[in-house]
Amino acid sequence: TITHGPIESLRWPGMTMDFTLANSALLGNLKPGTIVAFTFV
């Protein structure tokens, strides 16, 4: 679950939503509360 800012490519406003991980290894050592940059399809 990520609270993100506006996404211009989709014309989305900032919101909190759930995303599916392509692979659990993407998490690495990330913990809740971390500011992240991500790419999704």
ModelCIF file with pLDDT and N, C-alpha, C, O atoms, coordinates in Angstrom:
data_MODEL
#
_entry.id   MODEL 
#
_entity.id                         1 
_entity.type                       polymer 
_entity.pdbx_number_of_molecules   1 
#
_entity_poly.entity_id                      1 
_entity_poly.type                           'polypeptide(L)' 
_entity_poly.nstd_linkage                   no 
_entity_poly.nstd_monomer                   no 
_entity_poly.pdbx_seq_one_letter_code       TITHGPIESLRWPGMTMDFTLANSALLGNLKPGTIVAFTFV 
_entity_poly.pdbx_seq_one_letter_code_can   TITHGPIESLRWPGMTMDFTLANSALLGNLKPGTIVAFTFV 
_entity_poly.pdbx_strand_id                 A 
#
loop_
_entity_poly_seq.entity_id 
_entity_poly_seq.num 
_entity_poly_seq.mon_id 
_entity_poly_seq.hetero 
1 1  THR n 
1 2  ILE n 
1 3  THR n 
1 4  HIS n 
1 5  GLY n 
1 6  PRO n 
1 7  ILE n 
1 8  GLU n 
1 9  SER n 
1 10 LEU n 
1 11 ARG n 
1 12 TRP n 
1 13 PRO n 
1 14 GLY n 
1 15 MET n 
1 16 THR n 
1 17 MET n 
1 18 ASP n 
1 19 PHE n 
1 20 THR n 
1 21 LEU n 
1 22 ALA n 
1 23 ASN n 
1 24 SER n 
1 25 ALA n 
1 26 LEU n 
1 27 LEU n 
1 28 GLY n 
1 29 ASN n 
1 30 LEU n 
1 31 LYS n 
1 32 PRO n 
1 33 GLY n 
1 34 THR n 
1 35 ILE n 
1 36 VAL n 
1 37 ALA n 
1 38 PHE n 
1 39 THR n 
1 40 PHE n 
1 41 VAL n 
#
_struct_asym.id          A 
_struct_asym.entity_id   1 
#
loop_
_ma_qa_metric.id 
_ma_qa_metric.mode 
_ma_qa_metric.name 
_ma_qa_metric.software_group_id 
_ma_qa_metric.type 
1 global pLDDT . pLDDT 
2 local  pLDDT . pLDDT 
#
_ma_qa_metric_global.metric_id      1 
_ma_qa_metric_global.metric_value   88.02 
_ma_qa_metric_global.model_id       1 
_ma_qa_metric_global.ordinal_id     1 
#
loop_
_ma_qa_metric_local.label_asym_id 
_ma_qa_metric_local.label_comp_id 
_ma_qa_metric_local.label_seq_id 
_ma_qa_metric_local.metric_id 
_ma_qa_metric_local.metric_value 
_ma_qa_metric_local.model_id 
_ma_qa_metric_local.ordinal_id 
A THR 1  2 93.00 1 1  
A ILE 2  2 94.00 1 2  
A THR 3  2 93.00 1 3  
A HIS 4  2 91.00 1 4  
A GLY 5  2 89.00 1 5  
A PRO 6  2 90.00 1 6  
A ILE 7  2 89.00 1 7  
A GLU 8  2 87.00 1 8  
A SER 9  2 85.00 1 9  
A LEU 10 2 85.00 1 10 
A ARG 11 2 82.00 1 11 
A TRP 12 2 86.00 1 12 
A PRO 13 2 87.00 1 13 
A GLY 14 2 88.00 1 14 
A MET 15 2 89.00 1 15 
A THR 16 2 91.00 1 16 
A MET 17 2 91.00 1 17 
A ASP 18 2 91.00 1 18 
A PHE 19 2 91.00 1 19 
A THR 20 2 90.00 1 20 
A LEU 21 2 88.00 1 21 
A ALA 22 2 83.00 1 22 
A ASN 23 2 79.00 1 23 
A SER 24 2 77.00 1 24 
A ALA 25 2 78.00 1 25 
A LEU 26 2 84.00 1 26 
A LEU 27 2 85.00 1 27 
A GLY 28 2 83.00 1 28 
A ASN 29 2 85.00 1 29 
A LEU 30 2 89.00 1 30 
A LYS 31 2 89.00 1 31 
A PRO 32 2 91.00 1 32 
A GLY 33 2 91.00 1 33 
A THR 34 2 91.00 1 34 
A ILE 35 2 92.00 1 35 
A VAL 36 2 91.00 1 36 
A ALA 37 2 92.00 1 37 
A PHE 38 2 91.00 1 38 
A THR 39 2 91.00 1 39 
A PHE 40 2 90.00 1 40 
A VAL 41 2 87.00 1 41 
#
loop_
_atom_site.group_PDB 
_atom_site.id 
_atom_site.type_symbol 
_atom_site.label_atom_id 
_atom_site.label_alt_id 
_atom_site.label_comp_id 
_atom_site.label_asym_id 
_atom_site.label_entity_id 
_atom_site.label_seq_id 
_atom_site.pdbx_PDB_ins_code 
_atom_site.Cartn_x 
_atom_site.Cartn_y 
_atom_site.Cartn_z 
_atom_site.occupancy 
_atom_site.B_iso_or_equiv 
_atom_site.pdbx_formal_charge 
_atom_site.auth_seq_id 
_atom_site.auth_comp_id 
_atom_site.auth_asym_id 
_atom_site.auth_atom_id 
_atom_site.pdbx_PDB_model_num 
ATOM 1   N N  . THR A 1 1  ? 0.862  -1.184  0.000   1.00 93.00 ? 1  THR A N  1 
ATOM 2   C CA . THR A 1 1  ? 0.000  0.000   0.000   1.00 93.00 ? 1  THR A CA 1 
ATOM 3   C C  . THR A 1 1  ? 0.896  1.229   0.000   1.00 93.00 ? 1  THR A C  1 
ATOM 4   O O  . THR A 1 1  ? 1.764  1.378   0.860   1.00 93.00 ? 1  THR A O  1 
ATOM 5   N N  . ILE A 1 2  ? 0.674  2.124   -0.989  1.00 94.00 ? 2  ILE A N  1 
ATOM 6   C CA . ILE A 1 2  ? 1.522  3.299   -1.171  1.00 94.00 ? 2  ILE A CA 1 
ATOM 7   C C  . ILE A 1 2  ? 0.643  4.539   -1.285  1.00 94.00 ? 2  ILE A C  1 
ATOM 8   O O  . ILE A 1 2  ? -0.358 4.543   -2.002  1.00 94.00 ? 2  ILE A O  1 
ATOM 9   N N  . THR A 1 3  ? 1.031  5.592   -0.566  1.00 93.00 ? 3  THR A N  1 
ATOM 10  C CA . THR A 1 3  ? 0.408  6.904   -0.744  1.00 93.00 ? 3  THR A CA 1 
ATOM 11  C C  . THR A 1 3  ? 1.313  7.695   -1.684  1.00 93.00 ? 3  THR A C  1 
ATOM 12  O O  . THR A 1 3  ? 2.414  8.090   -1.303  1.00 93.00 ? 3  THR A O  1 
ATOM 13  N N  . HIS A 1 4  ? 0.845  7.927   -2.920  1.00 91.00 ? 4  HIS A N  1 
ATOM 14  C CA . HIS A 1 4  ? 1.682  8.561   -3.942  1.00 91.00 ? 4  HIS A CA 1 
ATOM 15  C C  . HIS A 1 4  ? 1.117  9.924   -4.320  1.00 91.00 ? 4  HIS A C  1 
ATOM 16  O O  . HIS A 1 4  ? -0.028 10.262  -4.023  1.00 91.00 ? 4  HIS A O  1 
ATOM 17  N N  . GLY A 1 5  ? 1.962  10.680  -4.981  1.00 89.00 ? 5  GLY A N  1 
ATOM 18  C CA . GLY A 1 5  ? 1.545  11.982  -5.476  1.00 89.00 ? 5  GLY A CA 1 
ATOM 19  C C  . GLY A 1 5  ? 0.854  11.861  -6.823  1.00 89.00 ? 5  GLY A C  1 
ATOM 20  O O  . GLY A 1 5  ? 0.599  10.748  -7.282  1.00 89.00 ? 5  GLY A O  1 
ATOM 21  N N  . PRO A 1 6  ? 0.542  12.992  -7.473  1.00 90.00 ? 6  PRO A N  1 
ATOM 22  C CA . PRO A 1 6  ? -0.107 12.955  -8.787  1.00 90.00 ? 6  PRO A CA 1 
ATOM 23  C C  . PRO A 1 6  ? 0.760  12.226  -9.818  1.00 90.00 ? 6  PRO A C  1 
ATOM 24  O O  . PRO A 1 6  ? 1.986  12.333  -9.802  1.00 90.00 ? 6  PRO A O  1 
ATOM 25  N N  . ILE A 1 7  ? 0.100  11.481  -10.714 1.00 89.00 ? 7  ILE A N  1 
ATOM 26  C CA . ILE A 1 7  ? 0.780  10.743  -11.781 1.00 89.00 ? 7  ILE A CA 1 
ATOM 27  C C  . ILE A 1 7  ? 0.270  11.297  -13.102 1.00 89.00 ? 7  ILE A C  1 
ATOM 28  O O  . ILE A 1 7  ? -0.866 11.037  -13.496 1.00 89.00 ? 7  ILE A O  1 
ATOM 29  N N  . GLU A 1 8  ? 1.118  12.064  -13.784 1.00 87.00 ? 8  GLU A N  1 
ATOM 30  C CA . GLU A 1 8  ? 0.691  12.769  -14.994 1.00 87.00 ? 8  GLU A CA 1 
ATOM 31  C C  . GLU A 1 8  ? 0.370  11.815  -16.125 1.00 87.00 ? 8  GLU A C  1 
ATOM 32  O O  . GLU A 1 8  ? -0.550 12.082  -16.899 1.00 87.00 ? 8  GLU A O  1 
ATOM 33  N N  . SER A 1 9  ? 1.113  10.682  -16.254 1.00 85.00 ? 9  SER A N  1 
ATOM 34  C CA . SER A 1 9  ? 0.876  9.779   -17.383 1.00 85.00 ? 9  SER A CA 1 
ATOM 35  C C  . SER A 1 9  ? -0.512 9.145   -17.327 1.00 85.00 ? 9  SER A C  1 
ATOM 36  O O  . SER A 1 9  ? -1.028 8.703   -18.354 1.00 85.00 ? 9  SER A O  1 
ATOM 37  N N  . LEU A 1 10 ? -1.122 9.093   -16.142 1.00 85.00 ? 10 LEU A N  1 
ATOM 38  C CA . LEU A 1 10 ? -2.466 8.538   -16.004 1.00 85.00 ? 10 LEU A CA 1 
ATOM 39  C C  . LEU A 1 10 ? -3.495 9.596   -15.620 1.00 85.00 ? 10 LEU A C  1 
ATOM 40  O O  . LEU A 1 10 ? -4.688 9.312   -15.517 1.00 85.00 ? 10 LEU A O  1 
ATOM 41  N N  . ARG A 1 11 ? -3.009 10.829  -15.408 1.00 82.00 ? 11 ARG A N  1 
ATOM 42  C CA . ARG A 1 11 ? -3.875 11.927  -14.978 1.00 82.00 ? 11 ARG A CA 1 
ATOM 43  C C  . ARG A 1 11 ? -4.548 11.586  -13.645 1.00 82.00 ? 11 ARG A C  1 
ATOM 44  O O  . ARG A 1 11 ? -5.724 11.875  -13.424 1.00 82.00 ? 11 ARG A O  1 
ATOM 45  N N  . TRP A 1 12 ? -3.769 10.968  -12.780 1.00 86.00 ? 12 TRP A N  1 
ATOM 46  C CA . TRP A 1 12 ? -4.270 10.605  -11.452 1.00 86.00 ? 12 TRP A CA 1 
ATOM 47  C C  . TRP A 1 12 ? -3.900 11.687  -10.454 1.00 86.00 ? 12 TRP A C  1 
ATOM 48  O O  . TRP A 1 12 ? -2.807 12.245  -10.541 1.00 86.00 ? 12 TRP A O  1 
ATOM 49  N N  . PRO A 1 13 ? -4.767 11.997  -9.521  1.00 87.00 ? 13 PRO A N  1 
ATOM 50  C CA . PRO A 1 13 ? -4.369 12.854  -8.394  1.00 87.00 ? 13 PRO A CA 1 
ATOM 51  C C  . PRO A 1 13 ? -3.632 12.011  -7.359  1.00 87.00 ? 13 PRO A C  1 
ATOM 52  O O  . PRO A 1 13 ? -3.584 10.786  -7.476  1.00 87.00 ? 13 PRO A O  1 
ATOM 53  N N  . GLY A 1 14 ? -3.073 12.644  -6.373  1.00 88.00 ? 14 GLY A N  1 
ATOM 54  C CA . GLY A 1 14 ? -2.434 11.897  -5.290  1.00 88.00 ? 14 GLY A CA 1 
ATOM 55  C C  . GLY A 1 14 ? -3.461 11.083  -4.519  1.00 88.00 ? 14 GLY A C  1 
ATOM 56  O O  . GLY A 1 14 ? -4.565 11.563  -4.261  1.00 88.00 ? 14 GLY A O  1 
ATOM 57  N N  . MET A 1 15 ? -3.113 9.866   -4.150  1.00 89.00 ? 15 MET A N  1 
ATOM 58  C CA . MET A 1 15 ? -4.047 8.994   -3.428  1.00 89.00 ? 15 MET A CA 1 
ATOM 59  C C  . MET A 1 15 ? -3.276 7.864   -2.753  1.00 89.00 ? 15 MET A C  1 
ATOM 60  O O  . MET A 1 15 ? -2.071 7.715   -2.954  1.00 89.00 ? 15 MET A O  1 
ATOM 61  N N  . THR A 1 16 ? -3.980 7.073   -1.955  1.00 91.00 ? 16 THR A N  1 
ATOM 62  C CA . THR A 1 16 ? -3.446 5.862   -1.333  1.00 91.00 ? 16 THR A CA 1 
ATOM 63  C C  . THR A 1 16 ? -4.106 4.656   -1.991  1.00 91.00 ? 16 THR A C  1 
ATOM 64  O O  . THR A 1 16 ? -5.333 4.577   -2.044  1.00 91.00 ? 16 THR A O  1 
ATOM 65  N N  . MET A 1 17 ? -3.310 3.720   -2.490  1.00 91.00 ? 17 MET A N  1 
ATOM 66  C CA . MET A 1 17 ? -3.866 2.566   -3.187  1.00 91.00 ? 17 MET A CA 1 
ATOM 67  C C  . MET A 1 17 ? -2.941 1.354   -3.031  1.00 91.00 ? 17 MET A C  1 
ATOM 68  O O  . MET A 1 17 ? -1.793 1.475   -2.605  1.00 91.00 ? 17 MET A O  1 
ATOM 69  N N  . ASP A 1 18 ? -3.477 0.187   -3.388  1.00 91.00 ? 18 ASP A N  1 
ATOM 70  C CA . ASP A 1 18 ? -2.724 -1.065  -3.311  1.00 91.00 ? 18 ASP A CA 1 
ATOM 71  C C  . ASP A 1 18 ? -2.124 -1.391  -4.670  1.00 91.00 ? 18 ASP A C  1 
ATOM 72  O O  . ASP A 1 18 ? -2.750 -1.161  -5.705  1.00 91.00 ? 18 ASP A O  1 
ATOM 73  N N  . PHE A 1 19 ? -0.907 -1.927  -4.665  1.00 91.00 ? 19 PHE A N  1 
ATOM 74  C CA . PHE A 1 19 ? -0.223 -2.384  -5.862  1.00 91.00 ? 19 PHE A CA 1 
ATOM 75  C C  . PHE A 1 19 ? 0.217  -3.834  -5.664  1.00 91.00 ? 19 PHE A C  1 
ATOM 76  O O  . PHE A 1 19 ? 0.515  -4.254  -4.545  1.00 91.00 ? 19 PHE A O  1 
ATOM 77  N N  . THR A 1 20 ? 0.254  -4.597  -6.767  1.00 90.00 ? 20 THR A N  1 
ATOM 78  C CA . THR A 1 20 ? 0.780  -5.966  -6.743  1.00 90.00 ? 20 THR A CA 1 
ATOM 79  C C  . THR A 1 20 ? 2.257  -5.933  -7.107  1.00 90.00 ? 20 THR A C  1 
ATOM 80  O O  . THR A 1 20 ? 2.656  -5.201  -8.013  1.00 90.00 ? 20 THR A O  1 
ATOM 81  N N  . LEU A 1 21 ? 3.064  -6.711  -6.417  1.00 88.00 ? 21 LEU A N  1 
ATOM 82  C CA . LEU A 1 21 ? 4.496  -6.787  -6.705  1.00 88.00 ? 21 LEU A CA 1 
ATOM 83  C C  . LEU A 1 21 ? 4.748  -7.845  -7.770  1.00 88.00 ? 21 LEU A C  1 
ATOM 84  O O  . LEU A 1 21 ? 4.221  -8.953  -7.677  1.00 88.00 ? 21 LEU A O  1 
ATOM 85  N N  . ALA A 1 22 ? 5.551  -7.514  -8.784  1.00 83.00 ? 22 ALA A N  1 
ATOM 86  C CA . ALA A 1 22 ? 5.926  -8.501  -9.790  1.00 83.00 ? 22 ALA A CA 1 
ATOM 87  C C  . ALA A 1 22 ? 6.722  -9.625  -9.162  1.00 83.00 ? 22 ALA A C  1 
ATOM 88  O O  . ALA A 1 22 ? 6.653  -10.772 -9.605  1.00 83.00 ? 22 ALA A O  1 
ATOM 89  N N  . ASN A 1 23 ? 7.482  -9.289  -8.122  1.00 79.00 ? 23 ASN A N  1 
ATOM 90  C CA . ASN A 1 23 ? 8.268  -10.293 -7.411  1.00 79.00 ? 23 ASN A CA 1 
ATOM 91  C C  . ASN A 1 23 ? 8.523  -9.769  -6.015  1.00 79.00 ? 23 ASN A C  1 
ATOM 92  O O  . ASN A 1 23 ? 8.822  -8.589  -5.833  1.00 79.00 ? 23 ASN A O  1 
ATOM 93  N N  . SER A 1 24 ? 8.404  -10.661 -5.010  1.00 77.00 ? 24 SER A N  1 
ATOM 94  C CA . SER A 1 24 ? 8.588  -10.230 -3.630  1.00 77.00 ? 24 SER A CA 1 
ATOM 95  C C  . SER A 1 24 ? 10.004 -9.720  -3.356  1.00 77.00 ? 24 SER A C  1 
ATOM 96  O O  . SER A 1 24 ? 10.227 -8.977  -2.400  1.00 77.00 ? 24 SER A O  1 
ATOM 97  N N  . ALA A 1 25 ? 10.972 -10.130 -4.214  1.00 78.00 ? 25 ALA A N  1 
ATOM 98  C CA . ALA A 1 25 ? 12.345 -9.681  -4.019  1.00 78.00 ? 25 ALA A CA 1 
ATOM 99  C C  . ALA A 1 25 ? 12.499 -8.186  -4.268  1.00 78.00 ? 25 ALA A C  1 
ATOM 100 O O  . ALA A 1 25 ? 13.512 -7.599  -3.885  1.00 78.00 ? 25 ALA A O  1 
ATOM 101 N N  . LEU A 1 26 ? 11.509 -7.560  -4.905  1.00 84.00 ? 26 LEU A N  1 
ATOM 102 C CA . LEU A 1 26 ? 11.581 -6.119  -5.164  1.00 84.00 ? 26 LEU A CA 1 
ATOM 103 C C  . LEU A 1 26 ? 11.612 -5.329  -3.849  1.00 84.00 ? 26 LEU A C  1 
ATOM 104 O O  . LEU A 1 26 ? 12.133 -4.214  -3.800  1.00 84.00 ? 26 LEU A O  1 
ATOM 105 N N  . LEU A 1 27 ? 11.049 -5.916  -2.783  1.00 85.00 ? 27 LEU A N  1 
ATOM 106 C CA . LEU A 1 27 ? 10.988 -5.181  -1.515  1.00 85.00 ? 27 LEU A CA 1 
ATOM 107 C C  . LEU A 1 27 ? 12.370 -4.951  -0.919  1.00 85.00 ? 27 LEU A C  1 
ATOM 108 O O  . LEU A 1 27 ? 12.629 -3.916  -0.306  1.00 85.00 ? 27 LEU A O  1 
ATOM 109 N N  . GLY A 1 28 ? 13.260 -5.934  -1.107  1.00 83.00 ? 28 GLY A N  1 
ATOM 110 C CA . GLY A 1 28 ? 14.583 -5.797  -0.516  1.00 83.00 ? 28 GLY A CA 1 
ATOM 111 C C  . GLY A 1 28 ? 14.484 -5.593  0.987   1.00 83.00 ? 28 GLY A C  1 
ATOM 112 O O  . GLY A 1 28 ? 13.863 -6.397  1.683   1.00 83.00 ? 28 GLY A O  1 
ATOM 113 N N  . ASN A 1 29 ? 15.080 -4.544  1.482   1.00 85.00 ? 29 ASN A N  1 
ATOM 114 C CA . ASN A 1 29 ? 15.043 -4.219  2.911   1.00 85.00 ? 29 ASN A CA 1 
ATOM 115 C C  . ASN A 1 29 ? 14.105 -3.066  3.224   1.00 85.00 ? 29 ASN A C  1 
ATOM 116 O O  . ASN A 1 29 ? 14.196 -2.469  4.297   1.00 85.00 ? 29 ASN A O  1 
ATOM 117 N N  . LEU A 1 30 ? 13.214 -2.745  2.311   1.00 89.00 ? 30 LEU A N  1 
ATOM 118 C CA . LEU A 1 30 ? 12.319 -1.614  2.514   1.00 89.00 ? 30 LEU A CA 1 
ATOM 119 C C  . LEU A 1 30 ? 11.336 -1.906  3.646   1.00 89.00 ? 30 LEU A C  1 
ATOM 120 O O  . LEU A 1 30 ? 10.859 -3.032  3.787   1.00 89.00 ? 30 LEU A O  1 
ATOM 121 N N  . LYS A 1 31 ? 11.038 -0.893  4.443   1.00 89.00 ? 31 LYS A N  1 
ATOM 122 C CA . LYS A 1 31 ? 10.126 -1.001  5.560   1.00 89.00 ? 31 LYS A CA 1 
ATOM 123 C C  . LYS A 1 31 ? 8.993  0.017   5.399   1.00 89.00 ? 31 LYS A C  1 
ATOM 124 O O  . LYS A 1 31 ? 9.162  1.031   4.721   1.00 89.00 ? 31 LYS A O  1 
ATOM 125 N N  . PRO A 1 32 ? 7.830  -0.253  6.027   1.00 91.00 ? 32 PRO A N  1 
ATOM 126 C CA . PRO A 1 32 ? 6.752  0.746   5.995   1.00 91.00 ? 32 PRO A CA 1 
ATOM 127 C C  . PRO A 1 32 ? 7.226  2.079   6.534   1.00 91.00 ? 32 PRO A C  1 
ATOM 128 O O  . PRO A 1 32 ? 7.956  2.142   7.524   1.00 91.00 ? 32 PRO A O  1 
ATOM 129 N N  . GLY A 1 33 ? 6.802  3.146   5.872   1.00 91.00 ? 33 GLY A N  1 
ATOM 130 C CA . GLY A 1 33 ? 7.220  4.488   6.235   1.00 91.00 ? 33 GLY A CA 1 
ATOM 131 C C  . GLY A 1 33 ? 8.317  5.037   5.347   1.00 91.00 ? 33 GLY A C  1 
ATOM 132 O O  . GLY A 1 33 ? 8.623  6.228   5.403   1.00 91.00 ? 33 GLY A O  1 
ATOM 133 N N  . THR A 1 34 ? 8.925  4.170   4.512   1.00 91.00 ? 34 THR A N  1 
ATOM 134 C CA . THR A 1 34 ? 10.007 4.609   3.626   1.00 91.00 ? 34 THR A CA 1 
ATOM 135 C C  . THR A 1 34 ? 9.429  5.370   2.429   1.00 91.00 ? 34 THR A C  1 
ATOM 136 O O  . THR A 1 34 ? 8.393  4.990   1.884   1.00 91.00 ? 34 THR A O  1 
ATOM 137 N N  . ILE A 1 35 ? 10.108 6.446   2.028   1.00 92.00 ? 35 ILE A N  1 
ATOM 138 C CA . ILE A 1 35 ? 9.745  7.163   0.802   1.00 92.00 ? 35 ILE A CA 1 
ATOM 139 C C  . ILE A 1 35 ? 10.377 6.397   -0.358  1.00 92.00 ? 35 ILE A C  1 
ATOM 140 O O  . ILE A 1 35 ? 11.589 6.184   -0.378  1.00 92.00 ? 35 ILE A O  1 
ATOM 141 N N  . VAL A 1 36 ? 9.548  5.979   -1.330  1.00 91.00 ? 36 VAL A N  1 
ATOM 142 C CA . VAL A 1 36 ? 10.024 5.111   -2.410  1.00 91.00 ? 36 VAL A CA 1 
ATOM 143 C C  . VAL A 1 36 ? 9.725  5.743   -3.767  1.00 91.00 ? 36 VAL A C  1 
ATOM 144 O O  . VAL A 1 36 ? 8.815  6.559   -3.916  1.00 91.00 ? 36 VAL A O  1 
ATOM 145 N N  . ALA A 1 37 ? 10.523 5.336   -4.741  1.00 92.00 ? 37 ALA A N  1 
ATOM 146 C CA . ALA A 1 37 ? 10.268 5.626   -6.158  1.00 92.00 ? 37 ALA A CA 1 
ATOM 147 C C  . ALA A 1 37 ? 9.974  4.293   -6.817  1.00 92.00 ? 37 ALA A C  1 
ATOM 148 O O  . ALA A 1 37 ? 10.670 3.307   -6.577  1.00 92.00 ? 37 ALA A O  1 
ATOM 149 N N  . PHE A 1 38 ? 8.930  4.262   -7.659  1.00 91.00 ? 38 PHE A N  1 
ATOM 150 C CA . PHE A 1 38 ? 8.547  2.974   -8.224  1.00 91.00 ? 38 PHE A CA 1 
ATOM 151 C C  . PHE A 1 38 ? 8.034  3.149   -9.656  1.00 91.00 ? 38 PHE A C  1 
ATOM 152 O O  . PHE A 1 38 ? 7.563  4.214   -10.056 1.00 91.00 ? 38 PHE A O  1 
ATOM 153 N N  . THR A 1 39 ? 8.149  2.056   -10.401 1.00 91.00 ? 39 THR A N  1 
ATOM 154 C CA . THR A 1 39 ? 7.640  1.981   -11.774 1.00 91.00 ? 39 THR A CA 1 
ATOM 155 C C  . THR A 1 39 ? 6.617  0.868   -11.822 1.00 91.00 ? 39 THR A C  1 
ATOM 156 O O  . THR A 1 39 ? 6.859  -0.217  -11.294 1.00 91.00 ? 39 THR A O  1 
ATOM 157 N N  . PHE A 1 40 ? 5.461  1.120   -12.456 1.00 90.00 ? 40 PHE A N  1 
ATOM 158 C CA . PHE A 1 40 ? 4.421  0.103   -12.483 1.00 90.00 ? 40 PHE A CA 1 
ATOM 159 C C  . PHE A 1 40 ? 3.751  0.078   -13.857 1.00 90.00 ? 40 PHE A C  1 
ATOM 160 O O  . PHE A 1 40 ? 3.825  1.039   -14.623 1.00 90.00 ? 40 PHE A O  1 
ATOM 161 N N  . VAL A 1 41 ? 3.089  -1.061  -14.149 1.00 87.00 ? 41 VAL A N  1 
ATOM 162 C CA . VAL A 1 41 ? 2.382  -1.257  -15.415 1.00 87.00 ? 41 VAL A CA 1 
ATOM 163 C C  . VAL A 1 41 ? 0.994  -1.797  -15.097 1.00 87.00 ? 41 VAL A C  1 
ATOM 164 O O  . VAL A 1 41 ? 0.204  -2.044  -16.009 1.00 87.00 ? 41 VAL A O  1 
#
